Amino acid sequence: MLVRVPSIPSLDVEHDTPHPRVWAIVLTGDASGVARRAHRSARRTPRWRSQCTGEQPVVHAVDDVCRLVPAGRVVTVTTRGRAAELPGPAHVHRVVQPYYRGRAAETLLPLLRIARQDPGATVVVVPADHGVRHEARFHRYVARAVWAVALRPDLPILLAAHPHTPVTRGWIEPGEPVEGLEDLSVHDVKRVVDAASLAEQRRLFESGALVSTQVFIGRAATLLSAAAEAVPEVLEALEPLADAFGTPEEPLLRDAVYECMPEADLGALERTPGLAVLPLPDVVWQAPAREGFVLALAS
C-alpha cells in the first residue's frame, strides 16, 4: 500500500481546540472465527485489516490512541472471552461485552457510558484493526476533525480515503464544503453507493470518490442521535443499561440485554443524513487479494 500525506498544520487536540474533553473508543472486534465470519457477512463497507497478528494490533492501537487522548479518557471494548488477553496501559477504561453482536453494539455501549459520565464529550471512534502506520500524520487528520466538531457540535464526521483500485461497495461521494469549515476541508456527503456496477466503479474511482475508514468523530450526544436514526434497534436494546452503569445490577442486566441484542454493523451510520466527511488527501486504500483492506502511510 502506497500513501502520501501532505503536510498538515499541527492541531493539538488537548491544547488547540476550544473543547478539550476528548474521549476515544478503541474497537477490538472478536477473536472467534464464527463471530468474525458473521461480522464480515454483515459488513456493507470494506473492513480494514492490520498487518499485525494476534493481540498486537489491539495493543498497538491502544498505545497509539493514548498518545492522542489521555489514557484516562480512552475506552477499549472487548468480549468476555478476550478480556484477559488484552493488556493495556494503566488508567485505560475497559468495557466488556458478554458476546460479540457486531460493530454497532460495540460502539454504542461505551458511547452511552461516556455520554452518561461526560455529556459534552467529543468522541473519536477508532477500529483497532485499521492498520495505520506513521500515526503522527494520521493524528493531524483526527485533530482536524476534533477542531471541526468543536466549531460544529451538531456535526458527526467520518474519515474517508481513496481506494487503490475500484471497489464494489461502500463508496462515498463528497459534496460541497461544510459552511464555516472550508479551511478544515470538511465536506457534506453527496451520495453513498452501497453497490456499484463495473462502469459505476470506474466512474467513482476516477472522480475521486472515497471509502469509509470507519473512524468517526463527534460529540457523544450527536453520535447517539445519529445512531438512533441509523440503528434504532441496537440503541433501544442498550438504553436500559444507561441507568445501571456502575451499579451492582449492571453485569446481570448487561447479560440479559445481550441475549436478545440484534447484530448490526455501522454501515447504516455512514448513510445517516447530516453526516460529514473529512477526506484524507493523497491517502490510497488498497485491497489485498484476500478479505480485508490495509491502509498505510508512506514515509
Protein backbone atom coordinates (compact mmCIF):
# COMPACT_ATOMS: atom_id res chain seq x y z
CA MET A 1 0.00 0.00 0.00
CA LEU A 2 1.46 3.32 -1.03
CA VAL A 3 0.28 6.53 0.54
CA ARG A 4 1.47 10.07 0.67
CA VAL A 5 0.13 12.54 3.13
CA PRO A 6 0.79 16.23 2.59
CA SER A 7 1.97 18.46 5.39
CA ILE A 8 -0.92 19.47 7.64
CA PRO A 9 -0.67 22.32 10.17
CA SER A 10 -0.48 20.78 13.62
CA LEU A 11 -3.64 20.85 15.69
CA ASP A 12 -3.12 19.74 19.26
CA VAL A 13 -6.29 18.02 20.42
CA GLU A 14 -5.71 18.90 24.06
CA HIS A 15 -4.49 22.46 23.72
CA ASP A 16 -5.58 23.96 20.41
CA THR A 17 -9.25 23.03 20.44
CA PRO A 18 -11.73 25.09 22.44
CA HIS A 19 -13.32 21.87 23.72
CA PRO A 20 -10.64 19.76 25.44
CA ARG A 21 -12.77 16.87 26.73
CA VAL A 22 -11.90 14.40 24.01
CA TRP A 23 -12.51 10.68 24.56
CA ALA A 24 -11.53 7.75 22.35
CA ILE A 25 -13.18 4.35 21.87
CA VAL A 26 -10.96 1.57 20.51
CA LEU A 27 -13.00 -1.21 18.90
CA THR A 28 -11.26 -4.56 19.18
CA GLY A 29 -13.80 -6.84 17.48
CA ASP A 30 -13.96 -10.52 18.44
CA ALA A 31 -11.46 -13.34 18.09
CA SER A 32 -13.80 -16.24 17.42
CA GLY A 33 -14.00 -17.43 13.84
CA VAL A 34 -17.79 -17.68 13.94
CA ALA A 35 -18.19 -14.10 15.07
CA ARG A 36 -15.68 -12.86 12.54
CA ARG A 37 -17.47 -14.63 9.70
CA ALA A 38 -20.82 -13.27 10.83
CA HIS A 39 -19.35 -9.80 11.14
CA ARG A 40 -17.81 -9.96 7.66
CA SER A 41 -21.05 -11.14 6.11
CA ALA A 42 -22.91 -8.26 7.76
CA ARG A 43 -20.45 -5.58 6.64
CA ARG A 44 -21.54 -3.42 3.76
CA THR A 45 -18.32 -1.45 3.59
CA PRO A 46 -14.71 -2.70 3.33
CA ARG A 47 -13.08 -3.80 6.58
CA TRP A 48 -9.59 -2.64 7.46
CA ARG A 49 -7.09 -5.34 8.27
CA SER A 50 -3.91 -4.82 10.24
CA GLN A 51 -0.65 -6.34 9.11
CA CYS A 52 -0.07 -7.43 12.71
CA THR A 53 -1.36 -10.68 14.18
CA GLY A 54 -2.90 -11.84 17.45
CA GLU A 55 -3.31 -9.15 20.09
CA GLN A 56 -0.61 -6.93 18.59
CA PRO A 57 -2.99 -4.69 16.58
CA VAL A 58 -5.12 -4.02 19.65
CA VAL A 59 -2.23 -3.24 21.98
CA HIS A 60 -0.61 -1.10 19.31
CA ALA A 61 -3.85 0.77 18.62
CA VAL A 62 -4.46 1.48 22.31
CA ASP A 63 -0.89 2.69 22.82
CA ASP A 64 -1.24 4.92 19.78
CA VAL A 65 -4.58 6.40 20.84
CA CYS A 66 -3.09 7.15 24.27
CA ARG A 67 -0.66 9.47 22.50
CA LEU A 68 -3.63 11.36 21.12
CA VAL A 69 -6.01 11.29 24.09
CA PRO A 70 -5.12 10.93 27.81
CA ALA A 71 -5.32 7.28 28.90
CA GLY A 72 -7.99 8.16 31.44
CA ARG A 73 -10.31 9.06 28.55
CA VAL A 74 -9.58 6.00 26.39
CA VAL A 75 -12.10 3.15 26.41
CA THR A 76 -11.38 -0.28 24.94
CA VAL A 77 -14.19 -2.69 24.08
CA THR A 78 -13.68 -6.44 24.36
CA THR A 79 -15.78 -9.54 24.74
CA ARG A 80 -15.70 -11.59 27.93
CA GLY A 81 -13.59 -14.37 26.44
CA ARG A 82 -10.86 -11.98 25.32
CA ALA A 83 -10.75 -9.57 28.23
CA ALA A 84 -7.80 -11.25 29.95
CA GLU A 85 -5.85 -11.48 26.67
CA LEU A 86 -5.64 -7.76 26.01
CA PRO A 87 -3.31 -5.93 28.37
CA GLY A 88 -3.17 -2.19 28.02
CA PRO A 89 -1.79 0.99 29.58
CA ALA A 90 -2.81 1.84 33.11
CA HIS A 91 -5.90 4.02 33.55
CA VAL A 92 -7.49 2.92 30.27
CA HIS A 93 -11.15 2.05 30.79
CA ARG A 94 -12.30 -1.36 29.62
CA VAL A 95 -15.86 -2.21 28.62
CA VAL A 96 -16.57 -5.94 28.41
CA GLN A 97 -19.41 -7.28 26.26
CA PRO A 98 -20.88 -10.69 27.15
CA TYR A 99 -20.98 -11.61 23.44
CA TYR A 100 -19.97 -10.02 20.17
CA ARG A 101 -23.00 -8.54 18.42
CA GLY A 102 -21.36 -6.52 15.69
CA ARG A 103 -19.72 -3.14 15.46
CA ALA A 104 -22.86 -1.14 16.26
CA ALA A 105 -23.29 -2.54 19.78
CA GLU A 106 -19.52 -2.48 20.26
CA THR A 107 -19.58 1.27 19.59
CA LEU A 108 -22.80 2.28 21.30
CA LEU A 109 -22.23 0.53 24.65
CA PRO A 110 -19.13 2.61 25.54
CA LEU A 111 -20.64 5.67 23.88
CA LEU A 112 -23.61 5.53 26.23
CA ARG A 113 -21.24 5.24 29.21
CA ILE A 114 -19.20 8.23 28.07
CA ALA A 115 -22.33 10.31 27.45
CA ARG A 116 -23.54 9.45 30.96
CA GLN A 117 -20.24 10.43 32.55
CA ASP A 118 -19.36 13.42 30.36
CA PRO A 119 -22.40 14.70 28.41
CA GLY A 120 -20.38 17.28 26.46
CA ALA A 121 -17.60 14.92 25.41
CA THR A 122 -16.20 14.73 21.91
CA VAL A 123 -15.59 11.09 20.99
CA VAL A 124 -13.18 9.54 18.49
CA VAL A 125 -14.22 6.01 17.46
CA VAL A 126 -11.26 4.00 16.09
CA PRO A 127 -11.20 0.35 14.94
CA ALA A 128 -8.11 -1.35 16.37
CA ASP A 129 -7.51 -3.12 13.05
CA HIS A 130 -7.27 -0.05 10.87
CA GLY A 131 -3.63 -0.85 10.09
CA VAL A 132 -2.44 2.78 10.05
CA ARG A 133 1.26 3.43 10.34
CA HIS A 134 3.09 6.78 10.72
CA GLU A 135 0.41 7.66 13.24
CA ALA A 136 1.60 11.22 13.90
CA ARG A 137 0.38 12.24 10.47
CA PHE A 138 -2.90 10.43 10.90
CA HIS A 139 -3.38 12.18 14.24
CA ARG A 140 -3.40 15.52 12.46
CA TYR A 141 -6.44 14.45 10.50
CA VAL A 142 -8.16 13.30 13.67
CA ALA A 143 -7.25 16.58 15.37
CA ARG A 144 -8.64 18.49 12.41
CA ALA A 145 -11.94 16.62 12.78
CA VAL A 146 -11.98 17.33 16.53
CA TRP A 147 -11.49 21.01 15.78
CA ALA A 148 -14.36 20.89 13.28
CA VAL A 149 -16.64 19.28 15.89
CA ALA A 150 -15.68 21.99 18.38
CA LEU A 151 -16.91 24.55 15.84
CA ARG A 152 -19.96 22.49 14.82
CA PRO A 153 -21.08 20.30 17.75
CA ASP A 154 -24.10 19.12 15.75
CA LEU A 155 -21.91 17.51 13.09
CA PRO A 156 -20.77 13.88 13.11
CA ILE A 157 -17.67 13.39 10.94
CA LEU A 158 -16.37 10.31 9.13
CA LEU A 159 -12.79 10.00 7.89
CA ALA A 160 -12.58 8.58 4.37
CA ALA A 161 -9.82 7.68 1.91
CA HIS A 162 -9.45 6.97 -1.80
CA PRO A 163 -9.07 3.27 -2.69
CA HIS A 164 -6.08 1.96 -4.62
CA THR A 165 -8.39 0.27 -7.15
CA PRO A 166 -12.15 0.41 -7.79
CA VAL A 167 -14.19 -1.49 -5.20
CA THR A 168 -17.68 -2.94 -5.42
CA ARG A 169 -19.38 -1.28 -2.46
CA GLY A 170 -19.01 1.34 0.23
CA TRP A 171 -18.35 4.37 -1.97
CA ILE A 172 -18.80 7.87 -0.53
CA GLU A 173 -19.05 10.87 -2.85
CA PRO A 174 -18.07 14.08 -1.03
CA GLY A 175 -20.24 17.09 -1.71
CA GLU A 176 -19.75 20.79 -1.05
CA PRO A 177 -17.55 22.04 1.79
CA VAL A 178 -19.46 22.48 5.05
CA GLU A 179 -20.16 26.15 5.66
CA GLY A 180 -17.69 27.55 8.17
CA LEU A 181 -15.40 24.51 7.91
CA GLU A 182 -13.97 25.17 4.47
CA ASP A 183 -10.45 25.68 5.83
CA LEU A 184 -10.63 22.28 7.53
CA SER A 185 -11.68 20.52 4.28
CA VAL A 186 -14.82 19.02 5.80
CA HIS A 187 -17.47 18.17 3.20
CA ASP A 188 -21.09 17.21 3.07
CA VAL A 189 -21.81 13.69 1.87
CA LYS A 190 -23.35 13.91 -1.59
CA ARG A 191 -24.11 10.22 -2.00
CA VAL A 192 -23.29 6.80 -0.56
CA VAL A 193 -23.15 3.92 -3.05
CA ASP A 194 -23.70 0.54 -1.41
CA ALA A 195 -23.15 -1.44 -4.60
CA ALA A 196 -21.82 -0.28 -7.96
CA SER A 197 -21.62 -1.78 -11.43
CA LEU A 198 -18.21 -2.04 -13.09
CA ALA A 199 -18.87 1.12 -15.06
CA GLU A 200 -20.02 2.96 -11.94
CA GLN A 201 -16.98 1.76 -10.00
CA ARG A 202 -14.68 3.18 -12.66
CA ARG A 203 -16.55 6.49 -12.70
CA LEU A 204 -16.44 6.79 -8.93
CA PHE A 205 -12.77 5.87 -8.82
CA GLU A 206 -11.79 8.40 -11.49
CA SER A 207 -13.90 11.15 -9.92
CA GLY A 208 -12.08 10.83 -6.59
CA ALA A 209 -14.86 9.18 -4.58
CA LEU A 210 -13.88 7.80 -1.18
CA VAL A 211 -14.35 4.74 1.02
CA SER A 212 -15.00 4.74 4.75
CA THR A 213 -12.19 4.25 7.26
CA GLN A 214 -14.79 3.57 9.99
CA VAL A 215 -13.21 6.32 12.09
CA PHE A 216 -15.98 8.57 13.44
CA ILE A 217 -15.60 11.82 15.39
CA GLY A 218 -18.43 13.72 17.05
CA ARG A 219 -20.00 14.87 20.27
CA ALA A 220 -21.32 11.90 22.21
CA ALA A 221 -24.89 13.19 22.04
CA THR A 222 -24.59 13.85 18.30
CA LEU A 223 -23.31 10.33 17.58
CA LEU A 224 -26.08 8.84 19.71
CA SER A 225 -28.68 10.88 17.81
CA ALA A 226 -27.27 9.60 14.53
CA ALA A 227 -27.34 6.04 15.88
CA ALA A 228 -30.98 6.46 16.94
CA GLU A 229 -31.79 7.02 13.28
CA ALA A 230 -29.33 4.53 11.78
CA VAL A 231 -29.52 1.54 14.16
CA PRO A 232 -32.50 2.26 16.46
CA GLU A 233 -32.97 -1.39 17.41
CA VAL A 234 -29.44 -1.62 18.84
CA LEU A 235 -29.63 1.65 20.73
CA GLU A 236 -33.05 0.79 22.16
CA ALA A 237 -31.73 -2.57 23.34
CA LEU A 238 -28.84 -0.89 25.15
CA GLU A 239 -30.70 2.05 26.68
CA PRO A 240 -31.84 0.15 29.82
CA LEU A 241 -28.17 -0.03 30.78
CA ALA A 242 -27.82 3.76 30.89
CA ASP A 243 -29.15 3.99 34.46
CA ALA A 244 -27.29 0.88 35.59
CA PHE A 245 -23.71 1.80 34.73
CA GLY A 246 -21.50 1.36 37.78
CA THR A 247 -24.19 -0.33 39.86
CA PRO A 248 -24.20 -3.92 41.20
CA GLU A 249 -27.07 -4.66 38.81
CA GLU A 250 -25.12 -3.77 35.68
CA PRO A 251 -23.44 -7.15 34.95
CA LEU A 252 -26.66 -9.19 35.15
CA LEU A 253 -28.63 -6.60 33.19
CA ARG A 254 -25.93 -6.42 30.52
CA ASP A 255 -26.04 -10.21 30.12
CA ALA A 256 -29.83 -10.09 29.73
CA VAL A 257 -29.66 -7.24 27.21
CA TYR A 258 -27.08 -9.03 25.06
CA GLU A 259 -29.10 -12.25 24.99
CA CYS A 260 -31.58 -10.55 22.68
CA MET A 261 -29.25 -7.96 21.15
CA PRO A 262 -29.65 -7.66 17.35
CA GLU A 263 -26.40 -7.88 15.40
CA ALA A 264 -25.60 -4.87 13.23
CA ASP A 265 -22.64 -3.06 11.75
CA LEU A 266 -22.06 0.67 11.28
CA GLY A 267 -22.88 0.79 7.57
CA ALA A 268 -26.21 2.48 8.30
CA LEU A 269 -24.45 5.18 10.33
CA GLU A 270 -22.34 6.02 7.29
CA ARG A 271 -25.58 6.71 5.41
CA THR A 272 -27.17 8.92 8.08
CA PRO A 273 -28.35 12.31 6.77
CA GLY A 274 -26.22 15.11 8.18
CA LEU A 275 -23.01 13.08 8.34
CA ALA A 276 -19.97 14.99 7.09
CA VAL A 277 -16.80 13.54 5.64
CA LEU A 278 -13.18 14.55 6.05
CA PRO A 279 -11.13 13.22 3.12
CA LEU A 280 -7.58 12.06 3.77
CA PRO A 281 -5.85 13.68 0.78
CA ASP A 282 -3.38 11.53 -1.14
CA VAL A 283 -4.12 8.57 1.11
CA VAL A 284 -4.64 5.48 -1.01
CA TRP A 285 -6.53 2.46 0.27
CA GLN A 286 -5.51 -0.85 -1.25
CA ALA A 287 -7.41 -4.15 -1.18
CA PRO A 288 -5.15 -7.20 -0.90
CA ALA A 289 -6.02 -10.38 -2.76
CA ARG A 290 -7.95 -11.81 0.19
CA GLU A 291 -10.54 -10.30 2.53
CA GLY A 292 -9.93 -7.01 4.26
CA PHE A 293 -8.17 -3.78 3.41
CA VAL A 294 -4.91 -2.25 4.52
CA LEU A 295 -4.21 1.44 4.93
CA ALA A 296 -0.61 2.59 5.28
CA LEU A 297 1.03 5.99 5.33
CA ALA A 298 4.20 6.21 3.29
CA SER A 299 7.32 7.80 4.68
